[in-house]
PDB file of N, CA and C in Angstrom:
ATOM      1  N   MET A   1     151.713  88.823 142.956  1.00  0.00           N
ATOM      2  CA  MET A   1     151.018  88.484 141.687  1.00  0.00           C
ATOM      3  C   MET A   1     151.459  89.478 140.634  1.00  0.00           C
ATOM      4  N   PRO A   2     151.922  89.009 139.476  1.00  0.00           N
ATOM      5  CA  PRO A   2     152.345  89.887 138.407  1.00  0.00           C
ATOM      6  C   PRO A   2     151.209  90.662 137.816  1.00  0.00           C
ATOM      7  N   ILE A   3     151.516  91.865 137.375  1.00  0.00           N
ATOM      8  CA  ILE A   3     150.513  92.716 136.693  1.00  0.00           C
ATOM      9  C   ILE A   3     150.396  92.277 135.261  1.00  0.00           C
ATOM     10  N   THR A   4     149.181  91.994 134.804  1.00  0.00           N
ATOM     11  CA  THR A   4     148.941  91.601 133.417  1.00  0.00           C
ATOM     12  C   THR A   4     148.461  92.813 132.623  1.00  0.00           C
ATOM     13  N   SER A   5     149.043  93.015 131.465  1.00  0.00           N
ATOM     14  CA  SER A   5     148.673  94.167 130.645  1.00  0.00           C
ATOM     15  C   SER A   5     148.010  93.662 129.417  1.00  0.00           C
ATOM     16  N   LYS A   6     147.061  94.458 128.877  1.00  0.00           N
ATOM     17  CA  LYS A   6     146.396  94.132 127.623  1.00  0.00           C
ATOM     18  C   LYS A   6     147.252  94.606 126.460  1.00  0.00           C
ATOM     19  N   TYR A   7     148.388  95.263 126.727  1.00  0.00           N
ATOM     20  CA  TYR A   7     149.286  95.747 125.680  1.00  0.00           C
ATOM     21  C   TYR A   7     150.510  94.897 125.660  1.00  0.00           C
ATOM     22  N   THR A   8     151.039  94.610 124.514  1.00  0.00           N
ATOM     23  CA  THR A   8     152.285  93.852 124.396  1.00  0.00           C
ATOM     24  C   THR A   8     153.481  94.739 124.713  1.00  0.00           C
ATOM     25  N   ASN A   9     154.545  94.068 125.181  1.00  0.00           N
ATOM     26  CA  ASN A   9     155.791  94.784 125.471  1.00  0.00           C
ATOM     27  C   ASN A   9     156.269  95.507 124.201  1.00  0.00           C
ATOM     28  N   LYS A  10     156.147  94.796 123.089  1.00  0.00           N
ATOM     29  CA  LYS A  10     156.599  95.437 121.801  1.00  0.00           C
ATOM     30  C   LYS A  10     155.803  96.636 121.489  1.00  0.00           C
ATOM     31  N   GLN A  11     154.530  96.670 121.740  1.00  0.00           N
ATOM     32  CA  GLN A  11     153.706  97.805 121.424  1.00  0.00           C
ATOM     33  C   GLN A  11     154.152  98.986 122.379  1.00  0.00           C
ATOM     34  N   VAL A  12     154.331  98.745 123.636  1.00  0.00           N
ATOM     35  CA  VAL A  12     154.757  99.763 124.553  1.00  0.00           C
ATOM     36  C   VAL A  12     156.128 100.299 124.233  1.00  0.00           C
ATOM     37  N   GLU A  13     157.069  99.369 123.963  1.00  0.00           N
ATOM     38  CA  GLU A  13     158.440  99.802 123.685  1.00  0.00           C
ATOM     39  C   GLU A  13     158.516 100.582 122.399  1.00  0.00           C
ATOM     40  N   GLN A  14     157.702 100.304 121.396  1.00  0.00           N
ATOM     41  CA  GLN A  14     157.731 101.091 120.163  1.00  0.00           C
ATOM     42  C   GLN A  14     157.224 102.515 120.408  1.00  0.00           C
ATOM     43  N   ILE A  15     156.234 102.668 121.204  1.00  0.00           N
ATOM     44  CA  ILE A  15     155.760 104.004 121.560  1.00  0.00           C
ATOM     45  C   ILE A  15     156.804 104.819 122.311  1.00  0.00           C
ATOM     46  N   ILE A  16     157.413 104.145 123.232  1.00  0.00           N
ATOM     47  CA  ILE A  16     158.467 104.791 124.079  1.00  0.00           C
ATOM     48  C   ILE A  16     159.592 105.176 123.178  1.00  0.00           C
ATOM     49  N   ASP A  17     160.044 104.312 122.260  1.00  0.00           N
ATOM     50  CA  ASP A  17     161.107 104.655 121.303  1.00  0.00           C
ATOM     51  C   ASP A  17     160.666 105.869 120.468  1.00  0.00           C
ATOM     52  N   ASP A  18     159.468 105.905 120.030  1.00  0.00           N
ATOM     53  CA  ASP A  18     158.983 107.075 119.223  1.00  0.00           C
ATOM     54  C   ASP A  18     159.032 108.371 119.958  1.00  0.00           C
ATOM     55  N   VAL A  19     158.582 108.324 121.240  1.00  0.00           N
ATOM     56  CA  VAL A  19     158.642 109.506 122.091  1.00  0.00           C
ATOM     57  C   VAL A  19     160.050 110.006 122.330  1.00  0.00           C
ATOM     58  N   PHE A  20     160.929 109.027 122.641  1.00  0.00           N
ATOM     59  CA  PHE A  20     162.357 109.354 122.807  1.00  0.00           C
ATOM     60  C   PHE A  20     162.937 109.969 121.563  1.00  0.00           C
ATOM     61  N   ASP A  21     162.563 109.447 120.402  1.00  0.00           N
ATOM     62  CA  ASP A  21     163.075 110.018 119.149  1.00  0.00           C
ATOM     63  C   ASP A  21     162.650 111.527 119.002  1.00  0.00           C
ATOM     64  N   VAL A  22     161.452 111.817 119.386  1.00  0.00           N
ATOM     65  CA  VAL A  22     160.952 113.237 119.314  1.00  0.00           C
ATOM     66  C   VAL A  22     161.745 114.141 120.332  1.00  0.00           C
ATOM     67  N   LEU A  23     161.916 113.607 121.498  1.00  0.00           N
ATOM     68  CA  LEU A  23     162.699 114.359 122.511  1.00  0.00           C
ATOM     69  C   LEU A  23     164.108 114.578 122.040  1.00  0.00           C
ATOM     70  N   GLU A  24     164.667 113.539 121.442  1.00  0.00           N
ATOM     71  CA  GLU A  24     166.034 113.645 120.970  1.00  0.00           C
ATOM     72  C   GLU A  24     166.163 114.620 119.806  1.00  0.00           C
ATOM     73  N   LYS A  25     165.150 114.640 118.875  1.00  0.00           N
ATOM     74  CA  LYS A  25     165.102 115.528 117.731  1.00  0.00           C
ATOM     75  C   LYS A  25     165.174 116.938 118.244  1.00  0.00           C
ATOM     76  N   HIS A  26     164.512 117.243 119.300  1.00  0.00           N
ATOM     77  CA  HIS A  26     164.445 118.590 119.850  1.00  0.00           C
ATOM     78  C   HIS A  26     165.505 118.874 120.835  1.00  0.00           C
ATOM     79  N   GLN A  27     166.482 117.996 120.989  1.00  0.00           N
ATOM     80  CA  GLN A  27     167.580 118.105 121.962  1.00  0.00           C
ATOM     81  C   GLN A  27     167.089 118.535 123.327  1.00  0.00           C
ATOM     82  N   THR A  28     166.170 117.821 123.819  1.00  0.00           N
ATOM     83  CA  THR A  28     165.472 118.152 124.995  1.00  0.00           C
ATOM     84  C   THR A  28     166.328 117.829 126.269  1.00  0.00           C
ATOM     85  N   SER A  29     166.377 118.736 127.163  1.00  0.00           N
ATOM     86  CA  SER A  29     167.089 118.450 128.453  1.00  0.00           C
ATOM     87  C   SER A  29     166.236 117.564 129.297  1.00  0.00           C
ATOM     88  N   PRO A  30     166.798 116.802 130.265  1.00  0.00           N
ATOM     89  CA  PRO A  30     166.006 115.959 131.150  1.00  0.00           C
ATOM     90  C   PRO A  30     164.834 116.753 131.796  1.00  0.00           C
ATOM     91  N   GLU A  31     165.152 117.945 132.283  1.00  0.00           N
ATOM     92  CA  GLU A  31     164.134 118.763 132.976  1.00  0.00           C
ATOM     93  C   GLU A  31     162.946 119.104 131.997  1.00  0.00           C
ATOM     94  N   LEU A  32     163.200 119.482 130.776  1.00  0.00           N
ATOM     95  CA  LEU A  32     162.165 119.782 129.845  1.00  0.00           C
ATOM     96  C   LEU A  32     161.381 118.522 129.445  1.00  0.00           C
ATOM     97  N   ALA A  33     162.154 117.426 129.288  1.00  0.00           N
ATOM     98  CA  ALA A  33     161.476 116.172 128.939  1.00  0.00           C
ATOM     99  C   ALA A  33     160.504 115.740 129.996  1.00  0.00           C
ATOM    100  N   LEU A  34     160.868 115.874 131.277  1.00  0.00           N
ATOM    101  CA  LEU A  34     159.964 115.513 132.384  1.00  0.00           C
ATOM    102  C   LEU A  34     158.761 116.527 132.439  1.00  0.00           C
ATOM    103  N   MET A  35     159.008 117.764 132.127  1.00  0.00           N
ATOM    104  CA  MET A  35     157.888 118.651 132.084  1.00  0.00           C
ATOM    105  C   MET A  35     156.888 118.277 131.035  1.00  0.00           C
ATOM    106  N   VAL A  36     157.436 117.883 129.837  1.00  0.00           N
ATOM    107  CA  VAL A  36     156.490 117.514 128.731  1.00  0.00           C
ATOM    108  C   VAL A  36     155.766 116.230 129.024  1.00  0.00           C
ATOM    109  N   VAL A  37     156.478 115.230 129.551  1.00  0.00           N
ATOM    110  CA  VAL A  37     155.844 113.981 129.932  1.00  0.00           C
ATOM    111  C   VAL A  37     154.775 114.220 131.016  1.00  0.00           C
ATOM    112  N   GLY A  38     155.103 115.054 131.963  1.00  0.00           N
ATOM    113  CA  GLY A  38     154.115 115.362 133.006  1.00  0.00           C
ATOM    114  C   GLY A  38     152.901 116.056 132.473  1.00  0.00           C
ATOM    115  N   ASP A  39     153.093 117.026 131.529  1.00  0.00           N
ATOM    116  CA  ASP A  39     151.962 117.710 130.945  1.00  0.00           C
ATOM    117  C   ASP A  39     151.144 116.770 130.103  1.00  0.00           C
ATOM    118  N   ILE A  40     151.783 115.836 129.444  1.00  0.00           N
ATOM    119  CA  ILE A  40     151.024 114.853 128.673  1.00  0.00           C
ATOM    120  C   ILE A  40     150.152 113.975 129.599  1.00  0.00           C
ATOM    121  N   ALA A  41     150.760 113.534 130.702  1.00  0.00           N
ATOM    122  CA  ALA A  41     149.947 112.699 131.664  1.00  0.00           C
ATOM    123  C   ALA A  41     148.775 113.490 132.165  1.00  0.00           C
ATOM    124  N   THR A  42     149.003 114.747 132.545  1.00  0.00           N
ATOM    125  CA  THR A  42     147.971 115.605 133.031  1.00  0.00           C
ATOM    126  C   THR A  42     146.866 115.784 132.007  1.00  0.00           C
ATOM    127  N   ASN A  43     147.216 116.052 130.763  1.00  0.00           N
ATOM    128  CA  ASN A  43     146.224 116.253 129.689  1.00  0.00           C
ATOM    129  C   ASN A  43     145.419 114.974 129.476  1.00  0.00           C
ATOM    130  N   ILE A  44     146.127 113.815 129.456  1.00  0.00           N
ATOM    131  CA  ILE A  44     145.406 112.550 129.289  1.00  0.00           C
ATOM    132  C   ILE A  44     144.393 112.343 130.373  1.00  0.00           C
ATOM    133  N   ILE A  45     144.797 112.566 131.605  1.00  0.00           N
ATOM    134  CA  ILE A  45     143.913 112.340 132.785  1.00  0.00           C
ATOM    135  C   ILE A  45     142.721 113.313 132.665  1.00  0.00           C
ATOM    136  N   ASN A  46     143.006 114.585 132.420  1.00  0.00           N
ATOM    137  CA  ASN A  46     141.911 115.583 132.377  1.00  0.00           C
ATOM    138  C   ASN A  46     140.942 115.369 131.211  1.00  0.00           C
ATOM    139  N   ALA A  47     141.432 114.854 130.108  1.00  0.00           N
ATOM    140  CA  ALA A  47     140.611 114.698 128.928  1.00  0.00           C
ATOM    141  C   ALA A  47     139.879 113.335 128.924  1.00  0.00           C
ATOM    142  N   ASN A  48     140.413 112.384 129.646  1.00  0.00           N
ATOM    143  CA  ASN A  48     139.830 111.041 129.443  1.00  0.00           C
ATOM    144  C   ASN A  48     139.298 110.350 130.698  1.00  0.00           C
ATOM    145  N   VAL A  49     139.523 110.955 131.795  1.00  0.00           N
ATOM    146  CA  VAL A  49     139.140 110.309 133.102  1.00  0.00           C
ATOM    147  C   VAL A  49     138.002 111.184 133.681  1.00  0.00           C
ATOM    148  N   PRO A  50     136.918 110.620 134.147  1.00  0.00           N
ATOM    149  CA  PRO A  50     135.872 111.401 134.818  1.00  0.00           C
ATOM    150  C   PRO A  50     136.429 112.155 136.020  1.00  0.00           C
ATOM    151  N   ALA A  51     135.912 113.366 136.208  1.00  0.00           N
ATOM    152  CA  ALA A  51     136.481 114.259 137.250  1.00  0.00           C
ATOM    153  C   ALA A  51     136.550 113.574 138.612  1.00  0.00           C
ATOM    154  N   ALA A  52     135.522 112.814 138.991  1.00  0.00           N
ATOM    155  CA  ALA A  52     135.479 112.150 140.214  1.00  0.00           C
ATOM    156  C   ALA A  52     136.658 111.159 140.481  1.00  0.00           C
ATOM    157  N   GLN A  53     137.228 110.680 139.416  1.00  0.00           N
ATOM    158  CA  GLN A  53     138.282 109.657 139.482  1.00  0.00           C
ATOM    159  C   GLN A  53     139.688 110.164 139.245  1.00  0.00           C
ATOM    160  N   ARG A  54     139.785 111.399 138.869  1.00  0.00           N
ATOM    161  CA  ARG A  54     141.130 111.965 138.483  1.00  0.00           C
ATOM    162  C   ARG A  54     142.147 111.915 139.546  1.00  0.00           C
ATOM    163  N   ALA A  55     141.802 112.314 140.721  1.00  0.00           N
ATOM    164  CA  ALA A  55     142.762 112.386 141.870  1.00  0.00           C
ATOM    165  C   ALA A  55     143.284 110.935 142.188  1.00  0.00           C
ATOM    166  N   VAL A  56     142.371 109.945 142.183  1.00  0.00           N
ATOM    167  CA  VAL A  56     142.798 108.553 142.424  1.00  0.00           C
ATOM    168  C   VAL A  56     143.716 108.039 141.369  1.00  0.00           C
ATOM    169  N   ILE A  57     143.387 108.334 140.112  1.00  0.00           N
ATOM    170  CA  ILE A  57     144.217 107.869 138.990  1.00  0.00           C
ATOM    171  C   ILE A  57     145.605 108.552 139.066  1.00  0.00           C
ATOM    172  N   ALA A  58     145.637 109.871 139.330  1.00  0.00           N
ATOM    173  CA  ALA A  58     146.914 110.553 139.432  1.00  0.00           C
ATOM    174  C   ALA A  58     147.733 109.989 140.635  1.00  0.00           C
ATOM    175  N   GLU A  59     147.092 109.661 141.719  1.00  0.00           N
ATOM    176  CA  GLU A  59     147.816 109.109 142.816  1.00  0.00           C
ATOM    177  C   GLU A  59     148.413 107.730 142.491  1.00  0.00           C
ATOM    178  N   LYS A  60     147.591 106.887 141.825  1.00  0.00           N
ATOM    179  CA  LYS A  60     148.131 105.590 141.422  1.00  0.00           C
ATOM    180  C   LYS A  60     149.274 105.724 140.471  1.00  0.00           C
ATOM    181  N   PHE A  61     149.169 106.694 139.531  1.00  0.00           N
ATOM    182  CA  PHE A  61     150.226 106.924 138.562  1.00  0.00           C
ATOM    183  C   PHE A  61     151.507 107.365 139.254  1.00  0.00           C
ATOM    184  N   ALA A  62     151.342 108.284 140.243  1.00  0.00           N
ATOM    185  CA  ALA A  62     152.529 108.751 140.984  1.00  0.00           C
ATOM    186  C   ALA A  62     153.174 107.608 141.804  1.00  0.00           C
ATOM    187  N   LYS A  63     152.372 106.769 142.410  1.00  0.00           N
ATOM    188  CA  LYS A  63     152.901 105.615 143.193  1.00  0.00           C
ATOM    189  C   LYS A  63     153.584 104.631 142.247  1.00  0.00           C
ATOM    190  N   ALA A  64     153.033 104.414 141.064  1.00  0.00           N
ATOM    191  CA  ALA A  64     153.704 103.478 140.090  1.00  0.00           C
ATOM    192  C   ALA A  64     155.027 104.055 139.641  1.00  0.00           C
ATOM    193  N   LEU A  65     155.097 105.378 139.447  1.00  0.00           N
ATOM    194  CA  LEU A  65     156.293 106.020 139.044  1.00  0.00           C
ATOM    195  C   LEU A  65     157.334 105.884 140.150  1.00  0.00           C
ATOM    196  N   GLN A  66     156.969 106.150 141.319  1.00  0.00           N
ATOM    197  CA  GLN A  66     157.914 106.051 142.469  1.00  0.00           C
ATOM    198  C   GLN A  66     158.442 104.582 142.676  1.00  0.00           C
ATOM    199  N   THR A  67     157.627 103.632 142.483  1.00  0.00           N
ATOM    200  CA  THR A  67     158.104 102.267 142.643  1.00  0.00           C
ATOM    201  C   THR A  67     159.020 101.794 141.459  1.00  0.00           C
ATOM    202  N   SER A  68     158.862 102.503 140.304  1.00  0.00           N
ATOM    203  CA  SER A  68     159.699 102.093 139.158  1.00  0.00           C
ATOM    204  C   SER A  68     161.055 102.842 139.087  1.00  0.00           C
ATOM    205  N   ILE A  69     161.284 103.816 139.958  1.00  0.00           N
ATOM    206  CA  ILE A  69     162.517 104.535 139.995  1.00  0.00           C
ATOM    207  C   ILE A  69     163.646 103.671 140.616  1.00  0.00           C
ATOM    208  N   LYS A  70     164.809 103.635 139.975  1.00  0.00           N
ATOM    209  CA  LYS A  70     165.954 102.974 140.488  1.00  0.00           C
ATOM    210  C   LYS A  70     166.449 103.599 141.744  1.00  0.00           C
ATOM    211  N   LYS A  71     166.726 102.836 142.729  1.00  0.00           N
ATOM    212  CA  LYS A  71     167.274 103.377 143.980  1.00  0.00           C
ATOM    213  C   LYS A  71     168.676 102.906 144.260  1.00  0.00           C
ATOM    214  N   ASP A  72     169.582 103.224 143.297  1.00  0.00           N
ATOM    215  CA  ASP A  72     170.998 102.817 143.430  1.00  0.00           C
ATOM    216  C   ASP A  72     171.903 103.866 143.797  1.00  0.00           C
TER     217      ASP A  72
END
């Protein structure tokens, strides 16, 4: 069953493009970019998810990341 999002692809892609533009502007290495994105994810979870649900949300996020990685 496909996952349905309340966000449009255009909306998501625009935000991704904006984030990439900032990383490019700062000539960010892949390692630093991953550190920044990880810190952003952590801050979003800590600031917006109730403490009792944080571990579950982080685990779901990690699993989604692992399934989206290319295995070529």
